[in-house]
């Protein structure tokens, strides 16, 4: 492009800048009170706090106007797992497992919190695209163990899996879980249940204004076993054959020792 050809482009850019003014920009700053949760024999659950702030530049908003059209959404996602869902049927008066589907790479934990109901913040299409909410998790990777092909059957298995996860407090949603202070600061409590699996978690924070996701940030805390529990866990997963043999020997010895004690009594 020649020097003269650049002039119209420069004029258009200058006019656009004068009409729109300075660009609005926000930057998220988030952190956790703890980046690792230790699981021991006495572990009954834990609580860590997510805290953050929004840094604004050239947005022209007065402090009283901030957070009027902005919202924070936080998704806590646990390590993926393969989960098999079975459907029971009554055959001859006995309930037996018949159909089954294994969903691949399912979040073991999914907890969503926000400053207000997410349905009021984002459209259904945006929630589905970003998988925001237990009911919007993509479960299109699965393996059917029986003759299951209809979308209705697959959806019923999917809903059953999500319902079971909610019953054991591994899936949940809190529409007022994110607290806002001083119009710029925000925080929320993340409850770690006792039955949580170990591994890397993902905490995704979204800044939303007028139904549009402006920015997102992710932190990866971890839940890990400590002490003798970590040794047993590592032994069971690294050397499963020897772990099984050891468990059988220990169980047999314990049974023999108990019989000797009771025989003497």
C-alpha atoms as a PDB file:
ATOM      1  CA  UNK A   1       0.000   0.000   0.000  1.00  0.00           C
ATOM      2  CA  UNK A   2       1.384   3.451  -0.952  1.00  0.00           C
ATOM      3  CA  UNK A   3       1.767   6.418   1.341  1.00  0.00           C
ATOM      4  CA  UNK A   4      -1.317   7.993  -0.208  1.00  0.00           C
ATOM      5  CA  UNK A   5      -3.312   4.797   0.237  1.00  0.00           C
ATOM      6  CA  UNK A   6      -2.707   4.898   3.990  1.00  0.00           C
ATOM      7  CA  UNK A   7      -4.341   8.315   4.406  1.00  0.00           C
ATOM      8  CA  UNK A   8      -8.000   7.120   4.149  1.00  0.00           C
ATOM      9  CA  UNK A   9      -7.290   4.304   6.610  1.00  0.00           C
ATOM     10  CA  UNK A  10      -5.732   6.731   9.108  1.00  0.00           C
ATOM     11  CA  UNK A  11      -8.713   9.081   8.763  1.00  0.00           C
ATOM     12  CA  UNK A  12     -11.182   6.227   9.431  1.00  0.00           C
ATOM     13  CA  UNK A  13      -9.233   5.100  12.521  1.00  0.00           C
ATOM     14  CA  UNK A  14      -9.074   8.693  13.846  1.00  0.00           C
ATOM     15  CA  UNK A  15     -12.815   9.231  13.372  1.00  0.00           C
ATOM     16  CA  UNK A  16     -13.585   5.887  15.037  1.00  0.00           C
ATOM     17  CA  UNK A  17     -11.429   6.795  18.042  1.00  0.00           C
ATOM     18  CA  UNK A  18     -13.105  10.212  18.422  1.00  0.00           C
ATOM     19  CA  UNK A  19     -16.565   8.652  18.267  1.00  0.00           C
ATOM     20  CA  UNK A  20     -15.920   5.803  20.668  1.00  0.00           C
ATOM     21  CA  UNK A  21     -13.504   7.452  23.079  1.00  0.00           C
ATOM     22  CA  UNK A  22     -10.923   5.589  25.166  1.00  0.00           C
ATOM     23  CA  UNK A  23     -11.273   1.814  25.245  1.00  0.00           C
ATOM     24  CA  UNK A  24     -12.697   0.266  28.363  1.00  0.00           C
ATOM     25  CA  UNK A  25     -10.551  -2.404  29.949  1.00  0.00           C
ATOM     26  CA  UNK A  26     -10.755  -4.536  33.050  1.00  0.00           C
ATOM     27  CA  UNK A  27      -8.222  -6.884  34.543  1.00  0.00           C
ATOM     28  CA  UNK A  28      -8.950  -9.650  37.022  1.00  0.00           C
ATOM     29  CA  UNK A  29      -6.675 -10.382  39.959  1.00  0.00           C
ATOM     30  CA  UNK A  30      -7.600 -13.541  41.884  1.00  0.00           C
ATOM     31  CA  UNK A  31      -5.940 -15.809  44.414  1.00  0.00           C
ATOM     32  CA  UNK A  32      -6.686 -18.467  47.036  1.00  0.00           C
ATOM     33  CA  UNK A  33      -5.961 -18.641  50.744  1.00  0.00           C
ATOM     34  CA  UNK A  34      -4.521 -22.124  50.126  1.00  0.00           C
ATOM     35  CA  UNK A  35      -3.339 -23.791  46.925  1.00  0.00           C
ATOM     36  CA  UNK A  36      -3.157 -27.288  48.392  1.00  0.00           C
ATOM     37  CA  UNK A  37      -5.551 -29.231  50.623  1.00  0.00           C
ATOM     38  CA  UNK A  38      -4.002 -32.118  52.580  1.00  0.00           C
ATOM     39  CA  UNK A  39      -6.117 -35.248  53.082  1.00  0.00           C
ATOM     40  CA  UNK A  40      -5.230 -37.271  56.199  1.00  0.00           C
ATOM     41  CA  UNK A  41      -6.976 -40.002  58.180  1.00  0.00           C
ATOM     42  CA  UNK A  42      -8.853 -37.363  60.180  1.00  0.00           C
ATOM     43  CA  UNK A  43      -9.929 -35.333  57.141  1.00  0.00           C
ATOM     44  CA  UNK A  44     -13.582 -34.275  57.424  1.00  0.00           C
ATOM     45  CA  UNK A  45     -13.581 -31.567  54.784  1.00  0.00           C
ATOM     46  CA  UNK A  46     -11.988 -28.165  54.365  1.00  0.00           C
ATOM     47  CA  UNK A  47     -12.755 -24.641  53.342  1.00  0.00           C
ATOM     48  CA  UNK A  48     -10.597 -22.279  51.310  1.00  0.00           C
ATOM     49  CA  UNK A  49     -11.432 -18.739  50.245  1.00  0.00           C
ATOM     50  CA  UNK A  50     -11.153 -17.263  46.788  1.00  0.00           C
ATOM     51  CA  UNK A  51     -10.540 -13.517  46.803  1.00  0.00           C
ATOM     52  CA  UNK A  52      -9.978 -11.061  44.012  1.00  0.00           C
ATOM     53  CA  UNK A  53     -10.275  -7.563  42.651  1.00  0.00           C
ATOM     54  CA  UNK A  54     -11.062  -5.856  39.364  1.00  0.00           C
ATOM     55  CA  UNK A  55      -8.556  -3.338  38.073  1.00  0.00           C
ATOM     56  CA  UNK A  56     -10.207  -0.857  35.755  1.00  0.00           C
ATOM     57  CA  UNK A  57      -8.510   1.508  33.342  1.00  0.00           C
ATOM     58  CA  UNK A  58     -10.231   4.348  31.468  1.00  0.00           C
ATOM     59  CA  UNK A  59     -13.738   3.037  32.057  1.00  0.00           C
ATOM     60  CA  UNK A  60     -15.078   6.302  33.371  1.00  0.00           C
ATOM     61  CA  UNK A  61     -17.233   4.627  36.009  1.00  0.00           C
ATOM     62  CA  UNK A  62     -17.729   6.268  39.363  1.00  0.00           C
ATOM     63  CA  UNK A  63     -17.282   3.982  42.410  1.00  0.00           C
ATOM     64  CA  UNK A  64     -21.041   4.017  43.045  1.00  0.00           C
ATOM     65  CA  UNK A  65     -21.693   2.830  39.471  1.00  0.00           C
ATOM     66  CA  UNK A  66     -19.243  -0.065  39.530  1.00  0.00           C
ATOM     67  CA  UNK A  67     -20.681  -3.574  39.732  1.00  0.00           C
ATOM     68  CA  UNK A  68     -24.130  -2.322  38.697  1.00  0.00           C
ATOM     69  CA  UNK A  69     -23.837  -4.059  35.324  1.00  0.00           C
ATOM     70  CA  UNK A  70     -20.965  -6.398  36.185  1.00  0.00           C
ATOM     71  CA  UNK A  71     -21.058  -9.858  37.685  1.00  0.00           C
ATOM     72  CA  UNK A  72     -18.586 -12.487  38.809  1.00  0.00           C
ATOM     73  CA  UNK A  73     -19.072 -16.198  38.099  1.00  0.00           C
ATOM     74  CA  UNK A  74     -16.807 -18.835  39.637  1.00  0.00           C
ATOM     75  CA  UNK A  75     -16.676 -22.479  38.503  1.00  0.00           C
ATOM     76  CA  UNK A  76     -14.832 -25.021  40.681  1.00  0.00           C
ATOM     77  CA  UNK A  77     -14.063 -28.145  38.632  1.00  0.00           C
ATOM     78  CA  UNK A  78     -12.516 -31.335  39.996  1.00  0.00           C
ATOM     79  CA  UNK A  79     -10.260 -33.821  38.185  1.00  0.00           C
ATOM     80  CA  UNK A  80     -11.888 -35.802  35.370  1.00  0.00           C
ATOM     81  CA  UNK A  81     -12.995 -39.407  35.772  1.00  0.00           C
ATOM     82  CA  UNK A  82     -14.846 -42.099  33.834  1.00  0.00           C
ATOM     83  CA  UNK A  83     -18.212 -42.768  35.463  1.00  0.00           C
ATOM     84  CA  UNK A  84     -20.527 -45.693  34.738  1.00  0.00           C
ATOM     85  CA  UNK A  85     -24.267 -45.204  35.223  1.00  0.00           C
ATOM     86  CA  UNK A  86     -26.469 -48.318  35.410  1.00  0.00           C
ATOM     87  CA  UNK A  87     -30.221 -48.719  35.160  1.00  0.00           C
ATOM     88  CA  UNK A  88     -31.955 -51.374  37.228  1.00  0.00           C
ATOM     89  CA  UNK A  89     -34.946 -53.377  36.071  1.00  0.00           C
ATOM     90  CA  UNK A  90     -37.124 -55.831  37.930  1.00  0.00           C
ATOM     91  CA  UNK A  91     -36.809 -59.353  36.535  1.00  0.00           C
ATOM     92  CA  UNK A  92     -38.707 -62.146  38.246  1.00  0.00           C
ATOM     93  CA  UNK A  93     -39.173 -60.084  41.388  1.00  0.00           C
ATOM     94  CA  UNK A  94     -35.456 -59.251  41.638  1.00  0.00           C
ATOM     95  CA  UNK A  95     -33.868 -55.905  40.778  1.00  0.00           C
ATOM     96  CA  UNK A  96     -30.885 -56.405  38.456  1.00  0.00           C
ATOM     97  CA  UNK A  97     -28.593 -54.125  36.470  1.00  0.00           C
ATOM     98  CA  UNK A  98     -29.536 -54.084  32.785  1.00  0.00           C
ATOM     99  CA  UNK A  99     -28.477 -51.066  30.710  1.00  0.00           C
ATOM    100  CA  UNK A 100     -25.306 -49.077  31.417  1.00  0.00           C
ATOM    101  CA  UNK A 101     -23.389 -46.127  29.982  1.00  0.00           C
ATOM    102  CA  UNK A 102     -19.848 -45.016  30.846  1.00  0.00           C
ATOM    103  CA  UNK A 103     -19.378 -41.259  30.496  1.00  0.00           C
ATOM    104  CA  UNK A 104     -15.805 -40.288  29.676  1.00  0.00           C
ATOM    105  CA  UNK A 105     -13.841 -37.497  31.351  1.00  0.00           C
ATOM    106  CA  UNK A 106     -16.612 -36.338  33.649  1.00  0.00           C
ATOM    107  CA  UNK A 107     -15.712 -33.639  36.215  1.00  0.00           C
ATOM    108  CA  UNK A 108     -15.598 -35.400  39.578  1.00  0.00           C
ATOM    109  CA  UNK A 109     -16.590 -32.111  41.242  1.00  0.00           C
ATOM    110  CA  UNK A 110     -18.491 -29.165  39.792  1.00  0.00           C
ATOM    111  CA  UNK A 111     -19.531 -26.196  41.896  1.00  0.00           C
ATOM    112  CA  UNK A 112     -20.789 -22.910  40.428  1.00  0.00           C
ATOM    113  CA  UNK A 113     -21.167 -19.650  42.354  1.00  0.00           C
ATOM    114  CA  UNK A 114     -22.083 -16.161  41.216  1.00  0.00           C
ATOM    115  CA  UNK A 115     -23.107 -12.712  42.388  1.00  0.00           C
ATOM    116  CA  UNK A 116     -26.714 -13.381  41.332  1.00  0.00           C
ATOM    117  CA  UNK A 117     -28.602 -16.115  39.441  1.00  0.00           C
ATOM    118  CA  UNK A 118     -26.570 -17.085  36.381  1.00  0.00           C
ATOM    119  CA  UNK A 119     -29.717 -17.269  34.240  1.00  0.00           C
ATOM    120  CA  UNK A 120     -30.050 -13.510  34.805  1.00  0.00           C
ATOM    121  CA  UNK A 121     -26.391 -12.912  33.885  1.00  0.00           C
ATOM    122  CA  UNK A 122     -25.836 -15.029  30.771  1.00  0.00           C
ATOM    123  CA  UNK A 123     -27.953 -16.454  28.007  1.00  0.00           C
ATOM    124  CA  UNK A 124     -28.445 -20.192  27.703  1.00  0.00           C
ATOM    125  CA  UNK A 125     -26.255 -20.344  24.596  1.00  0.00           C
ATOM    126  CA  UNK A 126     -23.332 -18.645  26.378  1.00  0.00           C
ATOM    127  CA  UNK A 127     -23.719 -20.943  29.376  1.00  0.00           C
ATOM    128  CA  UNK A 128     -23.747 -23.974  27.122  1.00  0.00           C
ATOM    129  CA  UNK A 129     -20.717 -22.793  25.148  1.00  0.00           C
ATOM    130  CA  UNK A 130     -18.676 -22.247  28.340  1.00  0.00           C
ATOM    131  CA  UNK A 131     -20.201 -25.206  30.230  1.00  0.00           C
ATOM    132  CA  UNK A 132     -21.262 -22.992  33.131  1.00  0.00           C
ATOM    133  CA  UNK A 133     -23.386 -25.078  35.468  1.00  0.00           C
ATOM    134  CA  UNK A 134     -23.790 -28.789  36.250  1.00  0.00           C
ATOM    135  CA  UNK A 135     -26.638 -29.085  33.741  1.00  0.00           C
ATOM    136  CA  UNK A 136     -24.461 -27.592  30.982  1.00  0.00           C
ATOM    137  CA  UNK A 137     -21.494 -29.948  31.254  1.00  0.00           C
ATOM    138  CA  UNK A 138     -20.653 -31.551  27.928  1.00  0.00           C
ATOM    139  CA  UNK A 139     -21.051 -35.325  28.209  1.00  0.00           C
ATOM    140  CA  UNK A 140     -20.839 -36.236  24.532  1.00  0.00           C
ATOM    141  CA  UNK A 141     -17.988 -38.719  25.152  1.00  0.00           C
ATOM    142  CA  UNK A 142     -19.538 -41.964  26.338  1.00  0.00           C
ATOM    143  CA  UNK A 143     -19.612 -45.725  25.787  1.00  0.00           C
ATOM    144  CA  UNK A 144     -22.880 -47.661  25.865  1.00  0.00           C
ATOM    145  CA  UNK A 145     -22.638 -51.186  27.290  1.00  0.00           C
ATOM    146  CA  UNK A 146     -26.004 -52.260  25.906  1.00  0.00           C
ATOM    147  CA  UNK A 147     -28.378 -51.438  23.084  1.00  0.00           C
ATOM    148  CA  UNK A 148     -28.880 -47.758  23.894  1.00  0.00           C
ATOM    149  CA  UNK A 149     -29.059 -45.393  20.954  1.00  0.00           C
ATOM    150  CA  UNK A 150     -31.922 -42.917  21.395  1.00  0.00           C
ATOM    151  CA  UNK A 151     -31.183 -39.401  22.590  1.00  0.00           C
ATOM    152  CA  UNK A 152     -33.929 -39.730  25.206  1.00  0.00           C
ATOM    153  CA  UNK A 153     -32.265 -42.737  26.840  1.00  0.00           C
ATOM    154  CA  UNK A 154     -28.843 -41.112  26.833  1.00  0.00           C
ATOM    155  CA  UNK A 155     -30.289 -37.930  28.345  1.00  0.00           C
ATOM    156  CA  UNK A 156     -32.004 -39.928  31.096  1.00  0.00           C
ATOM    157  CA  UNK A 157     -28.656 -41.514  32.038  1.00  0.00           C
ATOM    158  CA  UNK A 158     -27.007 -38.098  31.972  1.00  0.00           C
ATOM    159  CA  UNK A 159     -29.634 -36.589  34.268  1.00  0.00           C
ATOM    160  CA  UNK A 160     -29.337 -39.570  36.621  1.00  0.00           C
ATOM    161  CA  UNK A 161     -25.580 -39.066  36.878  1.00  0.00           C
ATOM    162  CA  UNK A 162     -25.909 -35.342  37.605  1.00  0.00           C
ATOM    163  CA  UNK A 163     -28.688 -35.984  40.138  1.00  0.00           C
ATOM    164  CA  UNK A 164     -26.545 -38.523  41.987  1.00  0.00           C
ATOM    165  CA  UNK A 165     -23.593 -36.130  42.058  1.00  0.00           C
ATOM    166  CA  UNK A 166     -25.824 -33.450  43.582  1.00  0.00           C
ATOM    167  CA  UNK A 167     -27.106 -35.877  46.220  1.00  0.00           C
ATOM    168  CA  UNK A 168     -23.587 -36.583  47.470  1.00  0.00           C
ATOM    169  CA  UNK A 169     -22.678 -32.851  47.403  1.00  0.00           C
ATOM    170  CA  UNK A 170     -20.110 -33.113  44.601  1.00  0.00           C
ATOM    171  CA  UNK A 171     -22.180 -30.962  42.216  1.00  0.00           C
ATOM    172  CA  UNK A 172     -23.919 -27.763  43.244  1.00  0.00           C
ATOM    173  CA  UNK A 173     -24.766 -24.171  42.423  1.00  0.00           C
ATOM    174  CA  UNK A 174     -24.988 -21.104  44.659  1.00  0.00           C
ATOM    175  CA  UNK A 175     -26.579 -18.117  42.961  1.00  0.00           C
ATOM    176  CA  UNK A 176     -25.402 -15.717  45.711  1.00  0.00           C
ATOM    177  CA  UNK A 177     -22.124 -17.395  46.610  1.00  0.00           C
ATOM    178  CA  UNK A 178     -19.837 -14.571  45.441  1.00  0.00           C
ATOM    179  CA  UNK A 179     -19.664 -11.600  47.819  1.00  0.00           C
ATOM    180  CA  UNK A 180     -18.770  -8.092  46.658  1.00  0.00           C
ATOM    181  CA  UNK A 181     -17.075  -5.543  48.896  1.00  0.00           C
ATOM    182  CA  UNK A 182     -16.125  -1.935  48.227  1.00  0.00           C
ATOM    183  CA  UNK A 183     -17.570  -2.159  44.696  1.00  0.00           C
ATOM    184  CA  UNK A 184     -14.344  -3.689  43.382  1.00  0.00           C
ATOM    185  CA  UNK A 185     -13.333  -6.542  45.699  1.00  0.00           C
ATOM    186  CA  UNK A 186     -15.024  -9.960  45.706  1.00  0.00           C
ATOM    187  CA  UNK A 187     -14.654 -13.256  47.529  1.00  0.00           C
ATOM    188  CA  UNK A 188     -16.278 -16.650  47.973  1.00  0.00           C
ATOM    189  CA  UNK A 189     -15.830 -19.732  50.157  1.00  0.00           C
ATOM    190  CA  UNK A 190     -14.999 -23.041  48.490  1.00  0.00           C
ATOM    191  CA  UNK A 191     -16.108 -26.016  50.566  1.00  0.00           C
ATOM    192  CA  UNK A 192     -14.090 -29.189  50.041  1.00  0.00           C
ATOM    193  CA  UNK A 193     -16.229 -32.202  51.122  1.00  0.00           C
ATOM    194  CA  UNK A 194     -14.741 -35.239  52.846  1.00  0.00           C
ATOM    195  CA  UNK A 195     -15.497 -37.471  49.855  1.00  0.00           C
ATOM    196  CA  UNK A 196     -13.619 -35.265  47.376  1.00  0.00           C
ATOM    197  CA  UNK A 197     -11.191 -37.100  45.041  1.00  0.00           C
ATOM    198  CA  UNK A 198      -7.507 -36.215  45.017  1.00  0.00           C
ATOM    199  CA  UNK A 199      -5.892 -34.441  42.102  1.00  0.00           C
ATOM    200  CA  UNK A 200      -5.675 -31.080  40.364  1.00  0.00           C
ATOM    201  CA  UNK A 201      -8.702 -28.790  40.471  1.00  0.00           C
ATOM    202  CA  UNK A 202      -9.525 -25.855  38.211  1.00  0.00           C
ATOM    203  CA  UNK A 203     -11.055 -22.657  39.582  1.00  0.00           C
ATOM    204  CA  UNK A 204     -12.314 -20.517  36.693  1.00  0.00           C
ATOM    205  CA  UNK A 205     -13.335 -16.908  37.376  1.00  0.00           C
ATOM    206  CA  UNK A 206     -15.398 -14.963  34.830  1.00  0.00           C
ATOM    207  CA  UNK A 207     -16.031 -11.221  34.706  1.00  0.00           C
ATOM    208  CA  UNK A 208     -19.328 -10.466  32.944  1.00  0.00           C
ATOM    209  CA  UNK A 209     -20.854  -7.175  31.915  1.00  0.00           C
ATOM    210  CA  UNK A 210     -24.283  -6.871  30.285  1.00  0.00           C
ATOM    211  CA  UNK A 211     -24.358 -10.545  29.335  1.00  0.00           C
ATOM    212  CA  UNK A 212     -20.874 -10.567  27.771  1.00  0.00           C
ATOM    213  CA  UNK A 213     -17.862 -12.348  29.277  1.00  0.00           C
ATOM    214  CA  UNK A 214     -15.149  -9.696  29.364  1.00  0.00           C
ATOM    215  CA  UNK A 215     -12.348 -11.690  30.914  1.00  0.00           C
ATOM    216  CA  UNK A 216     -11.606 -14.986  32.630  1.00  0.00           C
ATOM    217  CA  UNK A 217      -8.828 -16.325  34.782  1.00  0.00           C
ATOM    218  CA  UNK A 218      -7.996 -19.786  36.082  1.00  0.00           C
ATOM    219  CA  UNK A 219      -6.211 -21.110  39.177  1.00  0.00           C
ATOM    220  CA  UNK A 220      -5.298 -24.744  39.764  1.00  0.00           C
ATOM    221  CA  UNK A 221      -5.281 -25.812  43.426  1.00  0.00           C
ATOM    222  CA  UNK A 222      -4.741 -29.454  44.349  1.00  0.00           C
ATOM    223  CA  UNK A 223      -6.096 -31.977  46.831  1.00  0.00           C
ATOM    224  CA  UNK A 224      -3.490 -34.549  47.870  1.00  0.00           C
ATOM    225  CA  UNK A 225      -3.053 -37.243  50.476  1.00  0.00           C
ATOM    226  CA  UNK A 226      -0.420 -36.788  53.180  1.00  0.00           C
ATOM    227  CA  UNK A 227       1.355 -39.063  55.636  1.00  0.00           C
ATOM    228  CA  UNK A 228       0.660 -42.795  55.738  1.00  0.00           C
ATOM    229  CA  UNK A 229      -2.436 -42.286  53.557  1.00  0.00           C
ATOM    230  CA  UNK A 230      -0.217 -40.971  50.741  1.00  0.00           C
ATOM    231  CA  UNK A 231       2.117 -43.972  51.031  1.00  0.00           C
ATOM    232  CA  UNK A 232      -0.787 -46.437  50.853  1.00  0.00           C
ATOM    233  CA  UNK A 233      -2.433 -44.529  47.997  1.00  0.00           C
ATOM    234  CA  UNK A 234       0.797 -44.426  45.973  1.00  0.00           C
ATOM    235  CA  UNK A 235       1.499 -48.110  46.643  1.00  0.00           C
ATOM    236  CA  UNK A 236      -2.020 -49.094  45.530  1.00  0.00           C
ATOM    237  CA  UNK A 237      -1.794 -47.136  42.261  1.00  0.00           C
ATOM    238  CA  UNK A 238       1.850 -47.732  41.363  1.00  0.00           C
ATOM    239  CA  UNK A 239       2.017 -51.423  42.330  1.00  0.00           C
ATOM    240  CA  UNK A 240      -1.599 -52.660  42.302  1.00  0.00           C
ATOM    241  CA  UNK A 241      -0.661 -56.367  42.093  1.00  0.00           C
ATOM    242  CA  UNK A 242       1.671 -56.283  45.100  1.00  0.00           C
ATOM    243  CA  UNK A 243      -0.804 -54.081  46.960  1.00  0.00           C
ATOM    244  CA  UNK A 244      -3.525 -56.710  46.442  1.00  0.00           C
ATOM    245  CA  UNK A 245      -1.231 -59.527  47.589  1.00  0.00           C
ATOM    246  CA  UNK A 246      -0.184 -57.527  50.652  1.00  0.00           C
ATOM    247  CA  UNK A 247      -3.806 -56.726  51.502  1.00  0.00           C
ATOM    248  CA  UNK A 248      -4.733 -60.431  51.326  1.00  0.00           C
ATOM    249  CA  UNK A 249      -1.772 -61.420  53.540  1.00  0.00           C
ATOM    250  CA  UNK A 250      -2.578 -58.726  56.106  1.00  0.00           C
ATOM    251  CA  UNK A 251      -6.271 -59.726  56.154  1.00  0.00           C
ATOM    252  CA  UNK A 252      -5.366 -63.421  56.581  1.00  0.00           C
ATOM    253  CA  UNK A 253      -2.923 -62.632  59.384  1.00  0.00           C
ATOM    254  CA  UNK A 254      -5.484 -60.441  61.139  1.00  0.00           C
ATOM    255  CA  UNK A 255      -8.079 -63.221  60.909  1.00  0.00           C
ATOM    256  CA  UNK A 256      -5.630 -65.804  62.264  1.00  0.00           C
ATOM    257  CA  UNK A 257      -4.596 -63.505  65.121  1.00  0.00           C
ATOM    258  CA  UNK A 258      -8.217 -62.828  66.057  1.00  0.00           C
ATOM    259  CA  UNK A 259      -9.007 -66.551  66.099  1.00  0.00           C
ATOM    260  CA  UNK A 260      -6.049 -67.212  68.387  1.00  0.00           C
ATOM    261  CA  UNK A 261      -7.103 -64.482  70.792  1.00  0.00           C
ATOM    262  CA  UNK A 262     -10.713 -65.648  70.965  1.00  0.00           C
ATOM    263  CA  UNK A 263      -9.633 -69.301  71.329  1.00  0.00           C
ATOM    264  CA  UNK A 264      -7.561 -68.452  74.404  1.00  0.00           C
ATOM    265  CA  UNK A 265     -10.524 -66.694  75.954  1.00  0.00           C
END
